[in-house]
């Protein structure tokens, strides 16, 4: 449910995704989309969003985090939180970054895993 995923991402992740998609479209000589139209496409789970998420999931398996890792602890610092997660095949844990925005916790997907 990519529409729900988008709604639960941090504003920083959304901004970075929109910027990346926009730049890639320009590199491909596609100039029919603005950053705001790309943002609307992601909100409505449109064709650009579907293409992005399909590519993202080829490089990133969410099961690695959700089903194959141990969530060790949470560190809070005001409107930021870090969830320390240890993947079963990793030597070291990684930090999942979360941000409180408008009263709700949002996932820092790109801040944690990149594009």
PDB file of N, CA and C in Angstrom:
ATOM      1  N   UNK A   1       0.850  -1.181   0.000  1.00  0.00           N
ATOM      2  CA  UNK A   1       0.000   0.000   0.000  1.00  0.00           C
ATOM      3  C   UNK A   1       0.893   1.240   0.000  1.00  0.00           C
ATOM      4  N   UNK A   2       1.355   1.601  -1.186  1.00  0.00           N
ATOM      5  CA  UNK A   2       2.316   2.706  -1.310  1.00  0.00           C
ATOM      6  C   UNK A   2       1.727   4.057  -0.919  1.00  0.00           C
ATOM      7  N   UNK A   3       0.428   4.206  -1.037  1.00  0.00           N
ATOM      8  CA  UNK A   3      -0.211   5.458  -0.622  1.00  0.00           C
ATOM      9  C   UNK A   3      -0.029   5.661   0.882  1.00  0.00           C
ATOM     10  N   UNK A   4      -0.193   4.597   1.661  1.00  0.00           N
ATOM     11  CA  UNK A   4       0.016   4.674   3.107  1.00  0.00           C
ATOM     12  C   UNK A   4       1.487   4.857   3.449  1.00  0.00           C
ATOM     13  N   UNK A   5       2.357   4.191   2.701  1.00  0.00           N
ATOM     14  CA  UNK A   5       3.799   4.364   2.912  1.00  0.00           C
ATOM     15  C   UNK A   5       4.145   5.836   2.746  1.00  0.00           C
ATOM     16  N   UNK A   6       3.665   6.429   1.660  1.00  0.00           N
ATOM     17  CA  UNK A   6       3.963   7.843   1.389  1.00  0.00           C
ATOM     18  C   UNK A   6       3.461   8.733   2.529  1.00  0.00           C
ATOM     19  N   UNK A   7       2.254   8.465   3.007  1.00  0.00           N
ATOM     20  CA  UNK A   7       1.665   9.286   4.074  1.00  0.00           C
ATOM     21  C   UNK A   7       2.469   9.202   5.370  1.00  0.00           C
ATOM     22  N   UNK A   8       3.202   8.116   5.564  1.00  0.00           N
ATOM     23  CA  UNK A   8       3.953   7.923   6.804  1.00  0.00           C
ATOM     24  C   UNK A   8       5.441   8.218   6.694  1.00  0.00           C
ATOM     25  N   UNK A   9       5.865   8.774   5.574  1.00  0.00           N
ATOM     26  CA  UNK A   9       7.269   9.167   5.416  1.00  0.00           C
ATOM     27  C   UNK A   9       7.499  10.559   5.969  1.00  0.00           C
ATOM     28  N   UNK A  10       8.704  10.801   6.422  1.00  0.00           N
ATOM     29  CA  UNK A  10       9.085  12.138   6.891  1.00  0.00           C
ATOM     30  C   UNK A  10       9.061  13.114   5.728  1.00  0.00           C
ATOM     31  N   UNK A  11       8.894  14.378   6.044  1.00  0.00           N
ATOM     32  CA  UNK A  11       8.916  15.399   4.993  1.00  0.00           C
ATOM     33  C   UNK A  11      10.272  15.420   4.293  1.00  0.00           C
ATOM     34  N   UNK A  12      11.334  15.129   5.038  1.00  0.00           N
ATOM     35  CA  UNK A  12      12.669  15.074   4.429  1.00  0.00           C
ATOM     36  C   UNK A  12      12.777  13.954   3.409  1.00  0.00           C
ATOM     37  N   UNK A  13      12.230  12.786   3.724  1.00  0.00           N
ATOM     38  CA  UNK A  13      12.244  11.679   2.768  1.00  0.00           C
ATOM     39  C   UNK A  13      11.435  12.029   1.528  1.00  0.00           C
ATOM     40  N   UNK A  14      10.251  12.593   1.742  1.00  0.00           N
ATOM     41  CA  UNK A  14       9.406  12.974   0.601  1.00  0.00           C
ATOM     42  C   UNK A  14      10.126  13.973  -0.301  1.00  0.00           C
ATOM     43  N   UNK A  15      10.729  15.001   0.312  1.00  0.00           N
ATOM     44  CA  UNK A  15      11.435  16.020  -0.470  1.00  0.00           C
ATOM     45  C   UNK A  15      12.579  15.403  -1.282  1.00  0.00           C
ATOM     46  N   UNK A  16      13.326  14.498  -0.668  1.00  0.00           N
ATOM     47  CA  UNK A  16      14.459  13.873  -1.364  1.00  0.00           C
ATOM     48  C   UNK A  16      13.984  12.963  -2.496  1.00  0.00           C
ATOM     49  N   UNK A  17      12.898  12.253  -2.282  1.00  0.00           N
ATOM     50  CA  UNK A  17      12.357  11.397  -3.337  1.00  0.00           C
ATOM     51  C   UNK A  17      11.871  12.248  -4.501  1.00  0.00           C
ATOM     52  N   UNK A  18      11.110  13.289  -4.209  1.00  0.00           N
ATOM     53  CA  UNK A  18      10.593  14.165  -5.267  1.00  0.00           C
ATOM     54  C   UNK A  18      11.745  14.777  -6.049  1.00  0.00           C
ATOM     55  N   UNK A  19      12.756  15.257  -5.364  1.00  0.00           N
ATOM     56  CA  UNK A  19      13.915  15.865  -6.030  1.00  0.00           C
ATOM     57  C   UNK A  19      14.627  14.848  -6.918  1.00  0.00           C
ATOM     58  N   UNK A  20      14.821  13.646  -6.421  1.00  0.00           N
ATOM     59  CA  UNK A  20      15.497  12.603  -7.191  1.00  0.00           C
ATOM     60  C   UNK A  20      14.701  12.224  -8.439  1.00  0.00           C
ATOM     61  N   UNK A  21      13.400  12.028  -8.269  1.00  0.00           N
ATOM     62  CA  UNK A  21      12.545  11.670  -9.416  1.00  0.00           C
ATOM     63  C   UNK A  21      12.560  12.796 -10.440  1.00  0.00           C
ATOM     64  N   UNK A  22      12.429  14.016  -9.976  1.00  0.00           N
ATOM     65  CA  UNK A  22      12.431  15.178 -10.874  1.00  0.00           C
ATOM     66  C   UNK A  22      13.728  15.251 -11.684  1.00  0.00           C
ATOM     67  N   UNK A  23      14.857  15.096 -11.018  1.00  0.00           N
ATOM     68  CA  UNK A  23      16.150  15.140 -11.713  1.00  0.00           C
ATOM     69  C   UNK A  23      16.284  14.000 -12.714  1.00  0.00           C
ATOM     70  N   UNK A  24      15.814  12.807 -12.338  1.00  0.00           N
ATOM     71  CA  UNK A  24      15.890  11.672 -13.259  1.00  0.00           C
ATOM     72  C   UNK A  24      14.987  11.856 -14.467  1.00  0.00           C
ATOM     73  N   UNK A  25      13.830  12.456 -14.268  1.00  0.00           N
ATOM     74  CA  UNK A  25      12.960  12.745 -15.407  1.00  0.00           C
ATOM     75  C   UNK A  25      13.627  13.752 -16.350  1.00  0.00           C
ATOM     76  N   UNK A  26      14.249  14.773 -15.786  1.00  0.00           N
ATOM     77  CA  UNK A  26      14.941  15.764 -16.621  1.00  0.00           C
ATOM     78  C   UNK A  26      16.097  15.134 -17.388  1.00  0.00           C
ATOM     79  N   UNK A  27      16.846  14.242 -16.729  1.00  0.00           N
ATOM     80  CA  UNK A  27      17.939  13.530 -17.403  1.00  0.00           C
ATOM     81  C   UNK A  27      17.419  12.701 -18.577  1.00  0.00           C
ATOM     82  N   UNK A  28      16.202  12.211 -18.426  1.00  0.00           N
ATOM     83  CA  UNK A  28      15.578  11.397 -19.482  1.00  0.00           C
ATOM     84  C   UNK A  28      14.867  12.263 -20.514  1.00  0.00           C
ATOM     85  N   UNK A  29      15.068  13.567 -20.412  1.00  0.00           N
ATOM     86  CA  UNK A  29      14.467  14.541 -21.339  1.00  0.00           C
ATOM     87  C   UNK A  29      12.946  14.610 -21.216  1.00  0.00           C
ATOM     88  N   UNK A  30      12.429  14.235 -20.054  1.00  0.00           N
ATOM     89  CA  UNK A  30      10.989  14.328 -19.783  1.00  0.00           C
ATOM     90  C   UNK A  30      10.778  15.593 -18.964  1.00  0.00           C
ATOM     91  N   UNK A  31      10.127  16.577 -19.577  1.00  0.00           N
ATOM     92  CA  UNK A  31       9.969  17.869 -18.915  1.00  0.00           C
ATOM     93  C   UNK A  31       8.507  18.213 -18.657  1.00  0.00           C
ATOM     94  N   UNK A  32       7.635  17.213 -18.691  1.00  0.00           N
ATOM     95  CA  UNK A  32       6.203  17.466 -18.532  1.00  0.00           C
ATOM     96  C   UNK A  32       5.754  17.472 -17.073  1.00  0.00           C
ATOM     97  N   UNK A  33       6.667  17.158 -16.141  1.00  0.00           N
ATOM     98  CA  UNK A  33       6.304  17.084 -14.728  1.00  0.00           C
ATOM     99  C   UNK A  33       7.023  18.152 -13.922  1.00  0.00           C
ATOM    100  N   UNK A  34       6.278  18.784 -13.030  1.00  0.00           N
ATOM    101  CA  UNK A  34       6.871  19.702 -12.060  1.00  0.00           C
ATOM    102  C   UNK A  34       7.047  18.927 -10.752  1.00  0.00           C
ATOM    103  N   UNK A  35       7.774  19.524  -9.826  1.00  0.00           N
ATOM    104  CA  UNK A  35       7.930  18.877  -8.520  1.00  0.00           C
ATOM    105  C   UNK A  35       6.577  18.728  -7.826  1.00  0.00           C
ATOM    106  N   UNK A  36       5.704  19.720  -7.990  1.00  0.00           N
ATOM    107  CA  UNK A  36       4.392  19.622  -7.341  1.00  0.00           C
ATOM    108  C   UNK A  36       3.528  18.535  -7.985  1.00  0.00           C
ATOM    109  N   UNK A  37       3.640  18.341  -9.293  1.00  0.00           N
ATOM    110  CA  UNK A  37       2.854  17.268  -9.922  1.00  0.00           C
ATOM    111  C   UNK A  37       3.404  15.887  -9.535  1.00  0.00           C
ATOM    112  N   UNK A  38       4.706  15.801  -9.327  1.00  0.00           N
ATOM    113  CA  UNK A  38       5.305  14.544  -8.851  1.00  0.00           C
ATOM    114  C   UNK A  38       4.818  14.251  -7.438  1.00  0.00           C
ATOM    115  N   UNK A  39       4.767  15.275  -6.605  1.00  0.00           N
ATOM    116  CA  UNK A  39       4.269  15.112  -5.232  1.00  0.00           C
ATOM    117  C   UNK A  39       2.826  14.621  -5.238  1.00  0.00           C
ATOM    118  N   UNK A  40       1.998  15.190  -6.076  1.00  0.00           N
ATOM    119  CA  UNK A  40       0.595  14.764  -6.175  1.00  0.00           C
ATOM    120  C   UNK A  40       0.490  13.329  -6.672  1.00  0.00           C
ATOM    121  N   UNK A  41       1.368  12.946  -7.601  1.00  0.00           N
ATOM    122  CA  UNK A  41       1.386  11.583  -8.106  1.00  0.00           C
ATOM    123  C   UNK A  41       1.688  10.593  -6.978  1.00  0.00           C
ATOM    124  N   UNK A  42       2.644  10.935  -6.123  1.00  0.00           N
ATOM    125  CA  UNK A  42       2.968  10.058  -4.993  1.00  0.00           C
ATOM    126  C   UNK A  42       1.809   9.994  -4.000  1.00  0.00           C
ATOM    127  N   UNK A  43       1.143  11.108  -3.756  1.00  0.00           N
ATOM    128  CA  UNK A  43       0.003  11.115  -2.825  1.00  0.00           C
ATOM    129  C   UNK A  43      -1.114  10.196  -3.313  1.00  0.00           C
ATOM    130  N   UNK A  44      -1.304  10.144  -4.626  1.00  0.00           N
ATOM    131  CA  UNK A  44      -2.411   9.365  -5.183  1.00  0.00           C
ATOM    132  C   UNK A  44      -1.974   7.991  -5.691  1.00  0.00           C
ATOM    133  N   UNK A  45      -0.713   7.638  -5.459  1.00  0.00           N
ATOM    134  CA  UNK A  45      -0.168   6.361  -5.912  1.00  0.00           C
ATOM    135  C   UNK A  45      -0.297   6.211  -7.429  1.00  0.00           C
ATOM    136  N   UNK A  46       0.125   7.268  -8.110  1.00  0.00           N
ATOM    137  CA  UNK A  46       0.049   7.303  -9.565  1.00  0.00           C
ATOM    138  C   UNK A  46       1.177   6.538 -10.237  1.00  0.00           C
ATOM    139  N   UNK A  47       1.289   6.676 -11.553  1.00  0.00           N
ATOM    140  CA  UNK A  47       2.274   5.903 -12.315  1.00  0.00           C
ATOM    141  C   UNK A  47       3.735   6.218 -11.967  1.00  0.00           C
ATOM    142  N   UNK A  48       4.033   7.458 -11.650  1.00  0.00           N
ATOM    143  CA  UNK A  48       5.409   7.796 -11.269  1.00  0.00           C
ATOM    144  C   UNK A  48       5.744   7.115  -9.940  1.00  0.00           C
ATOM    145  N   UNK A  49       4.820   7.189  -8.994  1.00  0.00           N
ATOM    146  CA  UNK A  49       5.031   6.544  -7.693  1.00  0.00           C
ATOM    147  C   UNK A  49       5.193   5.038  -7.863  1.00  0.00           C
ATOM    148  N   UNK A  50       4.350   4.426  -8.660  1.00  0.00           N
ATOM    149  CA  UNK A  50       4.429   2.983  -8.882  1.00  0.00           C
ATOM    150  C   UNK A  50       5.792   2.596  -9.465  1.00  0.00           C
ATOM    151  N   UNK A  51       6.257   3.376 -10.410  1.00  0.00           N
ATOM    152  CA  UNK A  51       7.561   3.111 -11.030  1.00  0.00           C
ATOM    153  C   UNK A  51       8.689   3.271 -10.005  1.00  0.00           C
ATOM    154  N   UNK A  52       8.629   4.335  -9.218  1.00  0.00           N
ATOM    155  CA  UNK A  52       9.651   4.567  -8.198  1.00  0.00           C
ATOM    156  C   UNK A  52       9.691   3.413  -7.207  1.00  0.00           C
ATOM    157  N   UNK A  53       8.518   3.049  -6.639  1.00  0.00           N
ATOM    158  CA  UNK A  53       8.487   2.013  -5.616  1.00  0.00           C
ATOM    159  C   UNK A  53       8.905   0.658  -6.176  1.00  0.00           C
ATOM    160  N   UNK A  54       8.556   0.373  -7.414  1.00  0.00           N
ATOM    161  CA  UNK A  54       9.001  -0.890  -8.033  1.00  0.00           C
ATOM    162  C   UNK A  54      10.519  -0.947  -8.085  1.00  0.00           C
ATOM    163  N   UNK A  55      11.148   0.142  -8.508  1.00  0.00           N
ATOM    164  CA  UNK A  55      12.605   0.207  -8.553  1.00  0.00           C
ATOM    165  C   UNK A  55      13.228   0.166  -7.172  1.00  0.00           C
ATOM    166  N   UNK A  56      12.628   0.880  -6.227  1.00  0.00           N
ATOM    167  CA  UNK A  56      13.161   0.928  -4.868  1.00  0.00           C
ATOM    168  C   UNK A  56      13.144  -0.461  -4.240  1.00  0.00           C
ATOM    169  N   UNK A  57      12.062  -1.194  -4.450  1.00  0.00           N
ATOM    170  CA  UNK A  57      11.934  -2.522  -3.855  1.00  0.00           C
ATOM    171  C   UNK A  57      12.846  -3.560  -4.502  1.00  0.00           C
ATOM    172  N   UNK A  58      13.363  -3.263  -5.672  1.00  0.00           N
ATOM    173  CA  UNK A  58      14.360  -4.153  -6.279  1.00  0.00           C
ATOM    174  C   UNK A  58      15.690  -4.047  -5.533  1.00  0.00           C
ATOM    175  N   UNK A  59      15.930  -2.877  -4.936  1.00  0.00           N
ATOM    176  CA  UNK A  59      17.188  -2.638  -4.228  1.00  0.00           C
ATOM    177  C   UNK A  59      17.056  -2.792  -2.713  1.00  0.00           C
ATOM    178  N   UNK A  60      15.845  -2.667  -2.195  1.00  0.00           N
ATOM    179  CA  UNK A  60      15.626  -2.686  -0.753  1.00  0.00           C
ATOM    180  C   UNK A  60      14.487  -3.642  -0.429  1.00  0.00           C
ATOM    181  N   UNK A  61      14.752  -4.607   0.425  1.00  0.00           N
ATOM    182  CA  UNK A  61      13.737  -5.574   0.842  1.00  0.00           C
ATOM    183  C   UNK A  61      13.241  -5.207   2.239  1.00  0.00           C
ATOM    184  N   UNK A  62      12.013  -4.702   2.367  1.00  0.00           N
ATOM    185  CA  UNK A  62      11.518  -4.310   3.687  1.00  0.00           C
ATOM    186  C   UNK A  62      11.408  -5.480   4.665  1.00  0.00           C
ATOM    187  N   UNK A  63      11.313  -6.698   4.154  1.00  0.00           N
ATOM    188  CA  UNK A  63      11.271  -7.859   5.054  1.00  0.00           C
ATOM    189  C   UNK A  63      12.548  -7.977   5.864  1.00  0.00           C
ATOM    190  N   UNK A  64      13.648  -7.479   5.306  1.00  0.00           N
ATOM    191  CA  UNK A  64      14.913  -7.490   6.027  1.00  0.00           C
ATOM    192  C   UNK A  64      14.766  -6.756   7.360  1.00  0.00           C
ATOM    193  N   UNK A  65      14.039  -5.648   7.353  1.00  0.00           N
ATOM    194  CA  UNK A  65      13.854  -4.836   8.557  1.00  0.00           C
ATOM    195  C   UNK A  65      12.682  -5.352   9.393  1.00  0.00           C
ATOM    196  N   UNK A  66      11.603  -5.697   8.733  1.00  0.00           N
ATOM    197  CA  UNK A  66      10.380  -6.050   9.454  1.00  0.00           C
ATOM    198  C   UNK A  66      10.368  -7.465  10.012  1.00  0.00           C
ATOM    199  N   UNK A  67      10.932  -8.421   9.267  1.00  0.00           N
ATOM    200  CA  UNK A  67      10.802  -9.822   9.670  1.00  0.00           C
ATOM    201  C   UNK A  67      12.119 -10.524   9.976  1.00  0.00           C
ATOM    202  N   UNK A  68      13.229  -9.949   9.543  1.00  0.00           N
ATOM    203  CA  UNK A  68      14.511 -10.634   9.695  1.00  0.00           C
ATOM    204  C   UNK A  68      15.485  -9.873  10.585  1.00  0.00           C
ATOM    205  N   UNK A  69      14.945  -8.991  11.401  1.00  0.00           N
ATOM    206  CA  UNK A  69      15.784  -8.168  12.268  1.00  0.00           C
ATOM    207  C   UNK A  69      15.206  -8.119  13.674  1.00  0.00           C
ATOM    208  N   UNK A  70      16.073  -7.792  14.625  1.00  0.00           N
ATOM    209  CA  UNK A  70      15.657  -7.596  16.008  1.00  0.00           C
ATOM    210  C   UNK A  70      15.696  -6.089  16.282  1.00  0.00           C
ATOM    211  N   UNK A  71      14.591  -5.583  16.780  1.00  0.00           N
ATOM    212  CA  UNK A  71      14.507  -4.174  17.135  1.00  0.00           C
ATOM    213  C   UNK A  71      15.002  -4.057  18.570  1.00  0.00           C
ATOM    214  N   UNK A  72      16.204  -3.511  18.745  1.00  0.00           N
ATOM    215  CA  UNK A  72      16.886  -3.573  20.034  1.00  0.00           C
ATOM    216  C   UNK A  72      16.471  -2.508  21.036  1.00  0.00           C
ATOM    217  N   UNK A  73      16.405  -1.269  20.602  1.00  0.00           N
ATOM    218  CA  UNK A  73      16.052  -0.204  21.543  1.00  0.00           C
ATOM    219  C   UNK A  73      15.646   1.047  20.776  1.00  0.00           C
ATOM    220  N   UNK A  74      15.055   1.972  21.512  1.00  0.00           N
ATOM    221  CA  UNK A  74      14.647   3.256  20.945  1.00  0.00           C
ATOM    222  C   UNK A  74      15.297   4.366  21.761  1.00  0.00           C
ATOM    223  N   UNK A  75      15.871   5.327  21.058  1.00  0.00           N
ATOM    224  CA  UNK A  75      16.452   6.507  21.711  1.00  0.00           C
ATOM    225  C   UNK A  75      15.636   7.724  21.264  1.00  0.00           C
ATOM    226  N   UNK A  76      15.149   8.502  22.244  1.00  0.00           N
ATOM    227  CA  UNK A  76      14.371   9.698  21.938  1.00  0.00           C
ATOM    228  C   UNK A  76      15.193  10.946  22.188  1.00  0.00           C
ATOM    229  N   UNK A  77      14.986  11.941  21.341  1.00  0.00           N
ATOM    230  CA  UNK A  77      15.607  13.248  21.527  1.00  0.00           C
ATOM    231  C   UNK A  77      14.633  14.293  20.983  1.00  0.00           C
ATOM    232  N   UNK A  78      13.674  14.666  21.801  1.00  0.00           N
ATOM    233  CA  UNK A  78      12.677  15.649  21.377  1.00  0.00           C
ATOM    234  C   UNK A  78      11.779  15.109  20.276  1.00  0.00           C
ATOM    235  N   UNK A  79      11.862  15.720  19.109  1.00  0.00           N
ATOM    236  CA  UNK A  79      11.045  15.323  17.972  1.00  0.00           C
ATOM    237  C   UNK A  79      11.756  14.342  17.053  1.00  0.00           C
ATOM    238  N   UNK A  80      12.836  13.746  17.540  1.00  0.00           N
ATOM    239  CA  UNK A  80      13.572  12.748  16.774  1.00  0.00           C
ATOM    240  C   UNK A  80      13.687  11.483  17.604  1.00  0.00           C
ATOM    241  N   UNK A  81      13.675  10.362  16.920  1.00  0.00           N
ATOM    242  CA  UNK A  81      13.887   9.081  17.597  1.00  0.00           C
ATOM    243  C   UNK A  81      14.733   8.198  16.692  1.00  0.00           C
ATOM    244  N   UNK A  82      15.477   7.343  17.306  1.00  0.00           N
ATOM    245  CA  UNK A  82      16.276   6.361  16.576  1.00  0.00           C
ATOM    246  C   UNK A  82      15.906   4.992  17.124  1.00  0.00           C
ATOM    247  N   UNK A  83      15.541   4.110  16.214  1.00  0.00           N
ATOM    248  CA  UNK A  83      15.280   2.731  16.589  1.00  0.00           C
ATOM    249  C   UNK A  83      16.491   1.927  16.145  1.00  0.00           C
ATOM    250  N   UNK A  84      17.163   1.323  17.101  1.00  0.00           N
ATOM    251  CA  UNK A  84      18.361   0.537  16.812  1.00  0.00           C
ATOM    252  C   UNK A  84      17.902  -0.864  16.411  1.00  0.00           C
ATOM    253  N   UNK A  85      18.268  -1.257  15.199  1.00  0.00           N
ATOM    254  CA  UNK A  85      17.806  -2.520  14.624  1.00  0.00           C
ATOM    255  C   UNK A  85      19.011  -3.353  14.199  1.00  0.00           C
ATOM    256  N   UNK A  86      18.959  -4.625  14.495  1.00  0.00           N
ATOM    257  CA  UNK A  86      20.059  -5.533  14.116  1.00  0.00           C
ATOM    258  C   UNK A  86      19.526  -6.582  13.165  1.00  0.00           C
ATOM    259  N   UNK A  87      19.994  -6.523  11.922  1.00  0.00           N
ATOM    260  CA  UNK A  87      19.650  -7.523  10.917  1.00  0.00           C
ATOM    261  C   UNK A  87      20.368  -8.822  11.258  1.00  0.00           C
ATOM    262  N   UNK A  88      19.693  -9.945  11.070  1.00  0.00           N
ATOM    263  CA  UNK A  88      20.226 -11.235  11.533  1.00  0.00           C
ATOM    264  C   UNK A  88      21.572 -11.599  10.919  1.00  0.00           C
ATOM    265  N   UNK A  89      21.906 -11.097   9.737  1.00  0.00           N
ATOM    266  CA  UNK A  89      23.177 -11.436   9.093  1.00  0.00           C
ATOM    267  C   UNK A  89      24.225 -10.333   9.219  1.00  0.00           C
ATOM    268  N   UNK A  90      23.893  -9.266   9.933  1.00  0.00           N
ATOM    269  CA  UNK A  90      24.805  -8.119  10.030  1.00  0.00           C
ATOM    270  C   UNK A  90      25.682  -8.204  11.277  1.00  0.00           C
ATOM    271  N   UNK A  91      26.864  -7.652  11.174  1.00  0.00           N
ATOM    272  CA  UNK A  91      27.773  -7.557  12.322  1.00  0.00           C
ATOM    273  C   UNK A  91      27.316  -6.460  13.285  1.00  0.00           C
ATOM    274  N   UNK A  92      26.876  -5.352  12.710  1.00  0.00           N
ATOM    275  CA  UNK A  92      26.515  -4.176  13.497  1.00  0.00           C
ATOM    276  C   UNK A  92      25.053  -3.789  13.256  1.00  0.00           C
ATOM    277  N   UNK A  93      24.412  -3.190  14.246  1.00  0.00           N
ATOM    278  CA  UNK A  93      23.037  -2.707  14.045  1.00  0.00           C
ATOM    279  C   UNK A  93      23.029  -1.433  13.197  1.00  0.00           C
ATOM    280  N   UNK A  94      21.858  -1.050  12.756  1.00  0.00           N
ATOM    281  CA  UNK A  94      21.710   0.231  12.068  1.00  0.00           C
ATOM    282  C   UNK A  94      20.634   1.031  12.781  1.00  0.00           C
ATOM    283  N   UNK A  95      20.587   2.321  12.502  1.00  0.00           N
ATOM    284  CA  UNK A  95      19.655   3.228  13.160  1.00  0.00           C
ATOM    285  C   UNK A  95      18.548   3.644  12.203  1.00  0.00           C
ATOM    286  N   UNK A  96      17.313   3.255  12.512  1.00  0.00           N
ATOM    287  CA  UNK A  96      16.156   3.718  11.760  1.00  0.00           C
ATOM    288  C   UNK A  96      15.760   5.067  12.327  1.00  0.00           C
ATOM    289  N   UNK A  97      15.756   6.079  11.497  1.00  0.00           N
ATOM    290  CA  UNK A  97      15.476   7.444  11.956  1.00  0.00           C
ATOM    291  C   UNK A  97      13.985   7.754  11.819  1.00  0.00           C
ATOM    292  N   UNK A  98      13.437   8.327  12.877  1.00  0.00           N
ATOM    293  CA  UNK A  98      12.027   8.711  12.938  1.00  0.00           C
ATOM    294  C   UNK A  98      11.949  10.183  13.340  1.00  0.00           C
ATOM    295  N   UNK A  99      10.916  10.864  12.836  1.00  0.00           N
ATOM    296  CA  UNK A  99      10.748  12.288  13.114  1.00  0.00           C
ATOM    297  C   UNK A  99       9.293  12.564  13.477  1.00  0.00           C
ATOM    298  N   UNK A 100       9.089  13.329  14.528  1.00  0.00           N
ATOM    299  CA  UNK A 100       7.738  13.719  14.915  1.00  0.00           C
ATOM    300  C   UNK A 100       7.386  14.991  14.147  1.00  0.00           C
ATOM    301  N   UNK A 101       6.363  14.873  13.300  1.00  0.00           N
ATOM    302  CA  UNK A 101       5.927  16.000  12.478  1.00  0.00           C
ATOM    303  C   UNK A 101       4.423  16.175  12.643  1.00  0.00           C
ATOM    304  N   UNK A 102       4.006  17.342  13.038  1.00  0.00           N
ATOM    305  CA  UNK A 102       2.582  17.637  13.239  1.00  0.00           C
ATOM    306  C   UNK A 102       1.914  16.617  14.161  1.00  0.00           C
ATOM    307  N   UNK A 103       2.622  16.218  15.209  1.00  0.00           N
ATOM    308  CA  UNK A 103       2.069  15.334  16.214  1.00  0.00           C
ATOM    309  C   UNK A 103       2.118  13.841  15.898  1.00  0.00           C
ATOM    310  N   UNK A 104       2.650  13.465  14.724  1.00  0.00           N
ATOM    311  CA  UNK A 104       2.728  12.049  14.338  1.00  0.00           C
ATOM    312  C   UNK A 104       4.163  11.663  14.031  1.00  0.00           C
ATOM    313  N   UNK A 105       4.518  10.426  14.367  1.00  0.00           N
ATOM    314  CA  UNK A 105       5.850   9.927  14.060  1.00  0.00           C
ATOM    315  C   UNK A 105       5.904   9.482  12.608  1.00  0.00           C
ATOM    316  N   UNK A 106       6.933   9.943  11.899  1.00  0.00           N
ATOM    317  CA  UNK A 106       7.127   9.637  10.483  1.00  0.00           C
ATOM    318  C   UNK A 106       8.463   8.923  10.300  1.00  0.00           C
ATOM    319  N   UNK A 107       8.490   8.035   9.333  1.00  0.00           N
ATOM    320  CA  UNK A 107       9.690   7.246   9.050  1.00  0.00           C
ATOM    321  C   UNK A 107      10.654   8.033   8.166  1.00  0.00           C
ATOM    322  N   UNK A 108      11.890   8.096   8.603  1.00  0.00           N
ATOM    323  CA  UNK A 108      12.950   8.703   7.797  1.00  0.00           C
ATOM    324  C   UNK A 108      13.547   7.653   6.858  1.00  0.00           C
ATOM    325  N   UNK A 109      12.753   7.202   5.900  1.00  0.00           N
ATOM    326  CA  UNK A 109      13.184   6.124   5.002  1.00  0.00           C
ATOM    327  C   UNK A 109      14.456   6.482   4.251  1.00  0.00           C
ATOM    328  N   UNK A 110      14.460   7.630   3.626  1.00  0.00           N
ATOM    329  CA  UNK A 110      15.615   8.036   2.826  1.00  0.00           C
ATOM    330  C   UNK A 110      16.765   8.469   3.739  1.00  0.00           C
ATOM    331  N   UNK A 111      16.429   9.114   4.872  1.00  0.00           N
ATOM    332  CA  UNK A 111      17.472   9.489   5.812  1.00  0.00           C
ATOM    333  C   UNK A 111      18.173   8.259   6.391  1.00  0.00           C
ATOM    334  N   UNK A 112      17.470   7.139   6.438  1.00  0.00           N
ATOM    335  CA  UNK A 112      18.037   5.902   6.974  1.00  0.00           C
ATOM    336  C   UNK A 112      18.681   5.051   5.892  1.00  0.00           C
ATOM    337  N   UNK A 113      17.979   4.810   4.796  1.00  0.00           N
ATOM    338  CA  UNK A 113      18.427   3.851   3.794  1.00  0.00           C
ATOM    339  C   UNK A 113      18.898   4.470   2.486  1.00  0.00           C
ATOM    340  N   UNK A 114      18.576   5.739   2.246  1.00  0.00           N
ATOM    341  CA  UNK A 114      18.951   6.371   0.989  1.00  0.00           C
ATOM    342  C   UNK A 114      18.026   5.958  -0.141  1.00  0.00           C
ATOM    343  N   UNK A 115      18.353   6.478  -1.311  1.00  0.00           N
ATOM    344  CA  UNK A 115      17.530   6.179  -2.502  1.00  0.00           C
ATOM    345  C   UNK A 115      18.244   5.116  -3.301  1.00  0.00           C
TER     346      UNK A 115
END
